[in-house]
C-alpha atoms as a PDB file:
ATOM      1  CA  MET A   1      21.128 -15.399  -0.706  1.00  0.00           C
ATOM      2  CA  ILE A   2      18.626 -18.213  -1.512  1.00  0.00           C
ATOM      3  CA  ASP A   3      18.719 -19.760   1.921  1.00  0.00           C
ATOM      4  CA  ALA A   4      18.129 -16.333   3.588  1.00  0.00           C
ATOM      5  CA  VAL A   5      14.964 -15.860   1.653  1.00  0.00           C
ATOM      6  CA  ALA A   6      13.955 -19.546   2.222  1.00  0.00           C
ATOM      7  CA  ALA A   7      14.274 -18.908   6.257  1.00  0.00           C
ATOM      8  CA  GLU A   8      12.506 -15.449   6.099  1.00  0.00           C
ATOM      9  CA  TRP A   9       9.782 -17.114   4.168  1.00  0.00           C
ATOM     10  CA  TRP A  10       9.554 -19.733   6.891  1.00  0.00           C
ATOM     11  CA  LYS A  11       9.279 -17.342   9.646  1.00  0.00           C
ATOM     12  CA  LEU A  12       6.626 -15.343   7.981  1.00  0.00           C
ATOM     13  CA  ARG A  13       4.330 -18.436   7.332  1.00  0.00           C
ATOM     14  CA  SER A  14       4.806 -19.358  10.904  1.00  0.00           C
ATOM     15  CA  VAL A  15       3.404 -16.223  12.472  1.00  0.00           C
ATOM     16  CA  ARG A  16      -0.410 -15.771  13.196  1.00  0.00           C
ATOM     17  CA  SER A  17       0.022 -12.164  11.951  1.00  0.00           C
ATOM     18  CA  THR A  18       0.724 -12.886   8.550  1.00  0.00           C
ATOM     19  CA  TYR A  19      -2.507 -14.610   8.426  1.00  0.00           C
ATOM     20  CA  TRP A  20      -4.481 -12.056  10.383  1.00  0.00           C
ATOM     21  CA  THR A  21      -3.341  -9.254   7.882  1.00  0.00           C
ATOM     22  CA  LEU A  22      -3.934 -11.103   4.888  1.00  0.00           C
ATOM     23  CA  ALA A  23      -7.461 -11.992   6.246  1.00  0.00           C
ATOM     24  CA  ALA A  24      -8.241  -8.513   6.782  1.00  0.00           C
ATOM     25  CA  VAL A  25      -7.349  -7.656   3.209  1.00  0.00           C
ATOM     26  CA  GLY A  26      -9.836 -10.126   1.898  1.00  0.00           C
ATOM     27  CA  MET A  27     -12.307  -9.106   4.302  1.00  0.00           C
ATOM     28  CA  PHE A  28     -12.065  -5.423   2.881  1.00  0.00           C
ATOM     29  CA  PHE A  29     -11.981  -6.700  -0.587  1.00  0.00           C
ATOM     30  CA  VAL A  30     -15.506  -8.610   0.229  1.00  0.00           C
ATOM     31  CA  PHE A  31     -16.671  -5.523   1.872  1.00  0.00           C
ATOM     32  CA  VAL A  32     -15.772  -3.322  -1.154  1.00  0.00           C
ATOM     33  CA  LEU A  33     -18.203  -5.885  -3.463  1.00  0.00           C
ATOM     34  CA  LEU A  34     -20.997  -5.317  -1.035  1.00  0.00           C
ATOM     35  CA  LEU A  35     -20.827  -1.760  -1.116  1.00  0.00           C
ATOM     36  CA  ALA A  36     -20.594  -1.801  -5.043  1.00  0.00           C
ATOM     37  CA  PHE A  37     -23.959  -3.813  -4.428  1.00  0.00           C
ATOM     38  CA  GLN A  38     -25.637  -1.023  -2.616  1.00  0.00           C
ATOM     39  CA  MET A  39     -24.199   1.746  -5.127  1.00  0.00           C
ATOM     40  CA  ALA A  40     -25.780  -0.222  -7.936  1.00  0.00           C
ATOM     41  CA  HIS A  41     -28.984  -0.360  -5.727  1.00  0.00           C
ATOM     42  CA  ILE A  42     -28.758   3.389  -5.183  1.00  0.00           C
ATOM     43  CA  TRP A  43     -27.957   4.030  -9.079  1.00  0.00           C
ATOM     44  CA  ASP A  44     -31.450   2.641 -10.040  1.00  0.00           C
ATOM     45  CA  GLY A  45     -33.434   5.054  -7.715  1.00  0.00           C
ATOM     46  CA  LEU A  46     -31.507   8.127  -8.871  1.00  0.00           C
ATOM     47  CA  SER A  47     -32.696  10.960 -11.547  1.00  0.00           C
ATOM     48  CA  ALA A  48     -30.702  11.268 -14.785  1.00  0.00           C
ATOM     49  CA  GLU A  49     -29.317  14.515 -13.062  1.00  0.00           C
ATOM     50  CA  ARG A  50     -28.089  13.034 -10.049  1.00  0.00           C
ATOM     51  CA  ARG A  51     -26.618   9.745 -11.960  1.00  0.00           C
ATOM     52  CA  ALA A  52     -24.444  12.017 -13.816  1.00  0.00           C
ATOM     53  CA  ASP A  53     -22.469  13.034 -10.448  1.00  0.00           C
ATOM     54  CA  PHE A  54     -22.509   9.663  -9.066  1.00  0.00           C
ATOM     55  CA  THR A  55     -18.765   8.028  -9.429  1.00  0.00           C
ATOM     56  CA  LEU A  56     -17.641   4.688  -8.901  1.00  0.00           C
ATOM     57  CA  ARG A  57     -13.812   4.960  -8.941  1.00  0.00           C
ATOM     58  CA  PRO A  58     -13.774   6.082  -5.304  1.00  0.00           C
ATOM     59  CA  LEU A  59     -14.898   3.020  -4.037  1.00  0.00           C
ATOM     60  CA  GLN A  60     -12.724   0.856  -6.222  1.00  0.00           C
ATOM     61  CA  GLU A  61      -9.555   2.494  -5.054  1.00  0.00           C
ATOM     62  CA  LEU A  62     -10.638   1.583  -1.462  1.00  0.00           C
ATOM     63  CA  GLY A  63      -9.100  -1.667  -1.863  1.00  0.00           C
ATOM     64  CA  ALA A  64      -5.515  -0.953  -2.335  1.00  0.00           C
ATOM     65  CA  TRP A  65      -5.932   2.074   0.216  1.00  0.00           C
ATOM     66  CA  ALA A  66      -6.782  -0.440   2.794  1.00  0.00           C
ATOM     67  CA  ALA A  67      -4.542  -3.116   1.669  1.00  0.00           C
ATOM     68  CA  ALA A  68      -1.488  -0.619   2.219  1.00  0.00           C
ATOM     69  CA  LEU A  69      -2.250   0.005   5.784  1.00  0.00           C
ATOM     70  CA  CYS A  70      -2.887  -3.814   6.095  1.00  0.00           C
ATOM     71  CA  LEU A  71       0.533  -4.787   4.483  1.00  0.00           C
ATOM     72  CA  GLY A  72       2.602  -1.897   5.925  1.00  0.00           C
ATOM     73  CA  VAL A  73       1.542  -3.303   9.673  1.00  0.00           C
ATOM     74  CA  LEU A  74       2.820  -6.717   8.155  1.00  0.00           C
ATOM     75  CA  GLY A  75       5.924  -5.348   7.402  1.00  0.00           C
ATOM     76  CA  VAL A  76       6.369  -3.841  10.845  1.00  0.00           C
ATOM     77  CA  LEU A  77       5.317  -6.911  12.464  1.00  0.00           C
ATOM     78  CA  SER A  78       7.812  -9.009  10.369  1.00  0.00           C
ATOM     79  CA  VAL A  79      10.719  -7.109  12.033  1.00  0.00           C
ATOM     80  CA  THR A  80       9.383  -6.230  15.773  1.00  0.00           C
ATOM     81  CA  SER A  81       8.173  -9.585  16.495  1.00  0.00           C
ATOM     82  CA  GLU A  82      11.723 -10.772  16.177  1.00  0.00           C
ATOM     83  CA  TYR A  83      13.076  -7.905  18.569  1.00  0.00           C
ATOM     84  CA  ARG A  84      10.267  -8.610  20.968  1.00  0.00           C
ATOM     85  CA  THR A  85      10.944 -12.494  21.231  1.00  0.00           C
ATOM     86  CA  GLY A  86      14.830 -12.175  20.769  1.00  0.00           C
ATOM     87  CA  MET A  87      14.921 -14.150  17.971  1.00  0.00           C
ATOM     88  CA  ILE A  88      16.972 -11.568  16.047  1.00  0.00           C
ATOM     89  CA  ARG A  89      20.091 -12.894  17.815  1.00  0.00           C
ATOM     90  CA  THR A  90      19.435 -16.373  16.661  1.00  0.00           C
ATOM     91  CA  THR A  91      18.761 -14.869  13.085  1.00  0.00           C
ATOM     92  CA  LEU A  92      21.914 -12.904  13.100  1.00  0.00           C
ATOM     93  CA  ALA A  93      24.109 -15.788  14.928  1.00  0.00           C
ATOM     94  CA  ALA A  94      22.765 -18.032  12.014  1.00  0.00           C
ATOM     95  CA  MET A  95      23.389 -15.374   9.120  1.00  0.00           C
ATOM     96  CA  PRO A  96      25.910 -12.759  10.448  1.00  0.00           C
ATOM     97  CA  ARG A  97      25.788 -10.675   7.359  1.00  0.00           C
ATOM     98  CA  ARG A  98      23.157  -8.334   8.605  1.00  0.00           C
ATOM     99  CA  GLY A  99      22.589  -6.738   5.094  1.00  0.00           C
ATOM    100  CA  ARG A 100      21.871  -9.950   3.596  1.00  0.00           C
ATOM    101  CA  VAL A 101      19.193 -10.463   6.169  1.00  0.00           C
ATOM    102  CA  LEU A 102      17.555  -7.325   5.887  1.00  0.00           C
ATOM    103  CA  ALA A 103      17.288  -7.833   1.888  1.00  0.00           C
ATOM    104  CA  ALA A 104      15.809 -11.290   2.212  1.00  0.00           C
ATOM    105  CA  LYS A 105      13.395  -9.900   4.640  1.00  0.00           C
ATOM    106  CA  ALA A 106      12.562  -7.193   2.436  1.00  0.00           C
ATOM    107  CA  ALA A 107      12.154  -9.524  -0.460  1.00  0.00           C
ATOM    108  CA  VAL A 108       9.724 -11.834   1.095  1.00  0.00           C
ATOM    109  CA  VAL A 109       7.761  -9.059   2.717  1.00  0.00           C
ATOM    110  CA  GLY A 110       7.796  -7.114  -0.373  1.00  0.00           C
ATOM    111  CA  THR A 111       6.680  -9.958  -2.704  1.00  0.00           C
ATOM    112  CA  VAL A 112       4.015 -11.121  -0.601  1.00  0.00           C
ATOM    113  CA  ALA A 113       2.766  -7.268  -0.356  1.00  0.00           C
ATOM    114  CA  LEU A 114       2.997  -7.076  -4.039  1.00  0.00           C
ATOM    115  CA  VAL A 115       0.788 -10.148  -4.832  1.00  0.00           C
ATOM    116  CA  ALA A 116      -1.701  -9.323  -2.338  1.00  0.00           C
ATOM    117  CA  GLY A 117      -1.816  -5.630  -3.418  1.00  0.00           C
ATOM    118  CA  GLU A 118      -1.959  -6.345  -7.245  1.00  0.00           C
ATOM    119  CA  ALA A 119      -4.864  -9.114  -6.269  1.00  0.00           C
ATOM    120  CA  VAL A 120      -7.251  -6.598  -4.188  1.00  0.00           C
ATOM    121  CA  SER A 121      -6.866  -3.587  -6.550  1.00  0.00           C
ATOM    122  CA  ILE A 122      -7.325  -5.491  -9.548  1.00  0.00           C
ATOM    123  CA  GLY A 123      -9.927  -7.631  -7.934  1.00  0.00           C
ATOM    124  CA  SER A 124     -11.640  -4.409  -6.588  1.00  0.00           C
ATOM    125  CA  PHE A 125     -11.733  -3.055  -9.811  1.00  0.00           C
ATOM    126  CA  LEU A 126     -13.084  -5.853 -11.950  1.00  0.00           C
ATOM    127  CA  GLY A 127     -15.255  -7.210  -9.010  1.00  0.00           C
ATOM    128  CA  THR A 128     -17.315  -3.690  -8.974  1.00  0.00           C
ATOM    129  CA  ARG A 129     -17.404  -3.542 -12.748  1.00  0.00           C
ATOM    130  CA  LEU A 130     -19.193  -7.105 -12.572  1.00  0.00           C
ATOM    131  CA  VAL A 131     -21.466  -5.916  -9.929  1.00  0.00           C
ATOM    132  CA  VAL A 132     -22.680  -2.716 -11.371  1.00  0.00           C
ATOM    133  CA  GLY A 133     -22.925  -4.611 -14.902  1.00  0.00           C
ATOM    134  CA  ASP A 134     -24.120  -1.901 -17.555  1.00  0.00           C
ATOM    135  CA  ARG A 135     -25.352   0.381 -15.587  1.00  0.00           C
ATOM    136  CA  PRO A 136     -23.427   3.864 -17.573  1.00  0.00           C
ATOM    137  CA  PHE A 137     -21.456   5.106 -14.512  1.00  0.00           C
ATOM    138  CA  PRO A 138     -19.832   8.268 -15.741  1.00  0.00           C
ATOM    139  CA  ASP A 139     -16.377   7.309 -14.692  1.00  0.00           C
ATOM    140  CA  GLN A 140     -16.798   3.873 -16.262  1.00  0.00           C
ATOM    141  CA  ARG A 141     -17.478   4.395 -19.758  1.00  0.00           C
ATOM    142  CA  ALA A 142     -13.613   3.743 -20.905  1.00  0.00           C
ATOM    143  CA  SER A 143     -12.746   0.183 -21.427  1.00  0.00           C
ATOM    144  CA  ILE A 144     -11.576  -2.200 -19.033  1.00  0.00           C
ATOM    145  CA  ALA A 145      -8.375  -2.346 -20.982  1.00  0.00           C
ATOM    146  CA  HIS A 146      -8.004   1.505 -20.607  1.00  0.00           C
ATOM    147  CA  ASP A 147      -8.509   1.705 -16.893  1.00  0.00           C
ATOM    148  CA  LEU A 148      -6.662  -1.421 -15.907  1.00  0.00           C
ATOM    149  CA  PRO A 149      -2.956  -0.294 -15.785  1.00  0.00           C
ATOM    150  CA  ASP A 150      -4.002   2.439 -13.425  1.00  0.00           C
ATOM    151  CA  PHE A 151      -4.917  -0.407 -11.018  1.00  0.00           C
ATOM    152  CA  VAL A 152      -1.889  -2.231 -11.522  1.00  0.00           C
ATOM    153  CA  VAL A 153       0.039   0.679 -10.677  1.00  0.00           C
ATOM    154  CA  GLY A 154      -2.005   1.322  -7.434  1.00  0.00           C
ATOM    155  CA  GLY A 155      -1.205  -2.556  -6.291  1.00  0.00           C
ATOM    156  CA  THR A 156       2.312  -1.503  -6.338  1.00  0.00           C
ATOM    157  CA  SER A 157       1.893   0.973  -3.827  1.00  0.00           C
ATOM    158  CA  VAL A 158       1.103  -1.722  -1.169  1.00  0.00           C
ATOM    159  CA  ALA A 159       4.528  -3.238  -1.326  1.00  0.00           C
ATOM    160  CA  VAL A 160       5.741   0.483  -1.072  1.00  0.00           C
ATOM    161  CA  PHE A 161       4.302   0.588   2.283  1.00  0.00           C
ATOM    162  CA  ALA A 162       5.157  -2.840   3.011  1.00  0.00           C
ATOM    163  CA  LEU A 163       8.816  -1.965   2.880  1.00  0.00           C
ATOM    164  CA  LEU A 164       8.442   1.287   4.687  1.00  0.00           C
ATOM    165  CA  GLY A 165       6.789  -0.883   7.382  1.00  0.00           C
ATOM    166  CA  VAL A 166       9.939  -3.117   7.301  1.00  0.00           C
ATOM    167  CA  SER A 167      12.289   0.032   7.293  1.00  0.00           C
ATOM    168  CA  LEU A 168      10.485   1.527  10.190  1.00  0.00           C
ATOM    169  CA  GLY A 169      10.527  -1.549  12.381  1.00  0.00           C
ATOM    170  CA  VAL A 170      14.259  -1.711  12.016  1.00  0.00           C
ATOM    171  CA  LEU A 171      14.971   1.912  12.577  1.00  0.00           C
ATOM    172  CA  LEU A 172      12.527   2.096  15.473  1.00  0.00           C
ATOM    173  CA  ARG A 173      12.527  -1.479  16.954  1.00  0.00           C
ATOM    174  CA  SER A 174       9.094  -0.402  18.499  1.00  0.00           C
ATOM    175  CA  THR A 175       6.054  -2.151  17.330  1.00  0.00           C
ATOM    176  CA  ALA A 176       3.747   0.803  18.541  1.00  0.00           C
ATOM    177  CA  GLY A 177       6.042   3.754  17.178  1.00  0.00           C
ATOM    178  CA  ALA A 178       6.402   1.824  13.750  1.00  0.00           C
ATOM    179  CA  LEU A 179       2.717   1.501  13.390  1.00  0.00           C
ATOM    180  CA  VAL A 180       1.885   4.688  14.641  1.00  0.00           C
ATOM    181  CA  SER A 181       4.390   6.100  12.134  1.00  0.00           C
ATOM    182  CA  VAL A 182       2.982   3.946   9.115  1.00  0.00           C
ATOM    183  CA  VAL A 183      -0.524   5.220  10.179  1.00  0.00           C
ATOM    184  CA  PHE A 184       0.906   8.935  10.052  1.00  0.00           C
ATOM    185  CA  LEU A 185       2.342   8.389   6.584  1.00  0.00           C
ATOM    186  CA  TRP A 186      -0.700   6.443   5.312  1.00  0.00           C
ATOM    187  CA  HIS A 187      -3.458   8.347   6.225  1.00  0.00           C
ATOM    188  CA  VAL A 188      -2.692  11.275   8.733  1.00  0.00           C
ATOM    189  CA  LEU A 189      -0.100  13.156   6.962  1.00  0.00           C
ATOM    190  CA  PRO A 190      -1.996  13.784   3.639  1.00  0.00           C
ATOM    191  CA  LEU A 191      -4.746  15.128   5.551  1.00  0.00           C
ATOM    192  CA  LEU A 192      -2.517  17.754   7.533  1.00  0.00           C
ATOM    193  CA  VAL A 193      -1.082  18.462   3.818  1.00  0.00           C
ATOM    194  CA  PHE A 194      -4.291  18.962   2.428  1.00  0.00           C
ATOM    195  CA  GLN A 195      -4.795  21.894   5.095  1.00  0.00           C
ATOM    196  CA  LEU A 196      -1.652  23.636   3.902  1.00  0.00           C
ATOM    197  CA  PRO A 197      -2.374  27.191   2.031  1.00  0.00           C
ATOM    198  CA  GLU A 198      -2.240  27.233  -1.619  1.00  0.00           C
ATOM    199  CA  PRO A 199       0.252  26.289  -3.615  1.00  0.00           C
ATOM    200  CA  TRP A 200       2.192  24.379  -0.973  1.00  0.00           C
ATOM    201  CA  ASN A 201      -0.517  21.917  -0.359  1.00  0.00           C
ATOM    202  CA  GLU A 202      -0.392  20.535  -3.677  1.00  0.00           C
ATOM    203  CA  ARG A 203       3.312  20.811  -4.218  1.00  0.00           C
ATOM    204  CA  VAL A 204       3.552  18.650  -0.928  1.00  0.00           C
ATOM    205  CA  GLY A 205       0.795  16.836  -1.761  1.00  0.00           C
ATOM    206  CA  SER A 206       2.128  15.312  -5.004  1.00  0.00           C
ATOM    207  CA  VAL A 207       5.183  13.842  -3.317  1.00  0.00           C
ATOM    208  CA  LEU A 208       3.262  11.728  -0.542  1.00  0.00           C
ATOM    209  CA  PRO A 209       3.073   8.025  -0.773  1.00  0.00           C
ATOM    210  CA  GLY A 210      -0.678   8.049  -1.915  1.00  0.00           C
ATOM    211  CA  ALA A 211      -0.595  10.384  -4.684  1.00  0.00           C
ATOM    212  CA  LEU A 212       2.150   8.705  -6.873  1.00  0.00           C
ATOM    213  CA  PRO A 213       0.253   5.753  -8.201  1.00  0.00           C
ATOM    214  CA  GLY A 214      -2.132   8.230  -9.774  1.00  0.00           C
ATOM    215  CA  GLN A 215       0.332  10.434 -11.261  1.00  0.00           C
ATOM    216  CA  VAL A 216       2.468   7.654 -12.647  1.00  0.00           C
ATOM    217  CA  ALA A 217      -0.613   6.211 -14.415  1.00  0.00           C
ATOM    218  CA  GLY A 218      -1.265  10.278 -15.695  1.00  0.00           C
ATOM    219  CA  ARG A 219      -4.291  10.522 -13.790  1.00  0.00           C
ATOM    220  CA  SER A 220      -5.322  14.018 -12.715  1.00  0.00           C
ATOM    221  CA  ALA A 221      -6.167  14.278  -8.761  1.00  0.00           C
ATOM    222  CA  ASP A 222      -9.375  16.184  -9.137  1.00  0.00           C
ATOM    223  CA  ASN A 223     -11.731  15.841  -6.134  1.00  0.00           C
ATOM    224  CA  SER A 224      -8.352  14.379  -4.100  1.00  0.00           C
ATOM    225  CA  ILE A 225      -6.585  15.628  -1.215  1.00  0.00           C
ATOM    226  CA  TYR A 226      -3.466  15.101  -3.395  1.00  0.00           C
ATOM    227  CA  GLY A 227      -1.639  16.718  -5.896  1.00  0.00           C
ATOM    228  CA  ASP A 228      -0.776  15.538  -9.830  1.00  0.00           C
ATOM    229  CA  LEU A 229       2.615  17.849 -10.214  1.00  0.00           C
ATOM    230  CA  LEU A 230       4.814  15.436 -11.268  1.00  0.00           C
ATOM    231  CA  PRO A 231       5.344  13.525 -14.861  1.00  0.00           C
ATOM    232  CA  PRO A 232       4.902   9.886 -14.711  1.00  0.00           C
ATOM    233  CA  ALA A 233       8.651   9.044 -14.951  1.00  0.00           C
ATOM    234  CA  ALA A 234       9.371  11.574 -11.943  1.00  0.00           C
ATOM    235  CA  ALA A 235       6.529  10.011  -9.635  1.00  0.00           C
ATOM    236  CA  ALA A 236       7.768   6.523 -10.376  1.00  0.00           C
ATOM    237  CA  ALA A 237      11.170   7.604  -9.103  1.00  0.00           C
ATOM    238  CA  VAL A 238       9.737   9.076  -6.143  1.00  0.00           C
ATOM    239  CA  MET A 239       7.683   5.859  -5.612  1.00  0.00           C
ATOM    240  CA  LEU A 240      11.235   3.799  -6.033  1.00  0.00           C
ATOM    241  CA  ALA A 241      12.964   6.063  -3.229  1.00  0.00           C
ATOM    242  CA  TYR A 242      10.157   5.778  -0.789  1.00  0.00           C
ATOM    243  CA  ALA A 243      10.854   1.838  -0.931  1.00  0.00           C
ATOM    244  CA  LEU A 244      14.444   2.008  -1.095  1.00  0.00           C
ATOM    245  CA  VAL A 245      16.143   4.962   0.624  1.00  0.00           C
ATOM    246  CA  PRO A 246      14.313   3.946   4.316  1.00  0.00           C
ATOM    247  CA  LEU A 247      15.686   0.285   3.446  1.00  0.00           C
ATOM    248  CA  VAL A 248      19.495   1.690   2.861  1.00  0.00           C
ATOM    249  CA  LEU A 249      19.068   3.617   6.147  1.00  0.00           C
ATOM    250  CA  ALA A 250      17.832   0.611   7.835  1.00  0.00           C
ATOM    251  CA  GLY A 251      20.743  -1.684   6.626  1.00  0.00           C
ATOM    252  CA  ILE A 252      23.181   0.923   7.801  1.00  0.00           C
ATOM    253  CA  VAL A 253      21.520   1.121  11.464  1.00  0.00           C
ATOM    254  CA  LEU A 254      21.169  -2.293  11.691  1.00  0.00           C
ATOM    255  CA  SER A 255      24.939  -3.199  10.644  1.00  0.00           C
ATOM    256  CA  ARG A 256      26.313  -0.721  13.043  1.00  0.00           C
ATOM    257  CA  ARG A 257      23.636  -1.252  16.387  1.00  0.00           C
ATOM    258  CA  ASP A 258      23.854  -4.140  18.634  1.00  0.00           C
ATOM    259  CA  ALA A 259      20.745  -6.505  18.377  1.00  0.00           C
END
């Protein structure tokens, strides 16, 4: 297994798409900080009444939201690029145990995504706090220690999307099809669910991937397209299922299908 992980790590480092996707995450983090500077400038010109409704939290969450898409794309490309070039045959010839190959790839991609997700999620939170300084935004009055665990949980959702990308890449073996599926789960499906009649919009919205980090942290979904009906333990279990169940299905398909 160590050799398989080392091989997958080498393959991930050897393709340009890895660096492009991680660069996109970094650029979006910088963009969030620039928006924070703009919001601080706007805050200084607002009246006291308008400041009461001017919140910073939606901006802080943009980092992990964008990183989830970028690392989901990386998960897809880590698989479909091998199918496109035919390298998957070489990989399976060198390591015939296909389940081990998939587990190694998931471990490498998931670890990279987790590190990147935590970096951008926590960095967006702390960076925007630093930019706005002592301006009393109404949703920033709690201490950093109080709000930080919520953003740590938010960073884990990036790894979930990366593993979903790996699974979809194996199941579909199509870059276009897998990327469309990732984007659908990431942004399109939540918008569709939000249009459902009550109470189904909240019920279904509570089990979507984007809704789970906030519920794990015990945060309300007010002013959100998601629901918040799950307790933290149940939300954590559903998040884990999003990461593992598609991987198990992908492993079964990979073991039974020709490369």
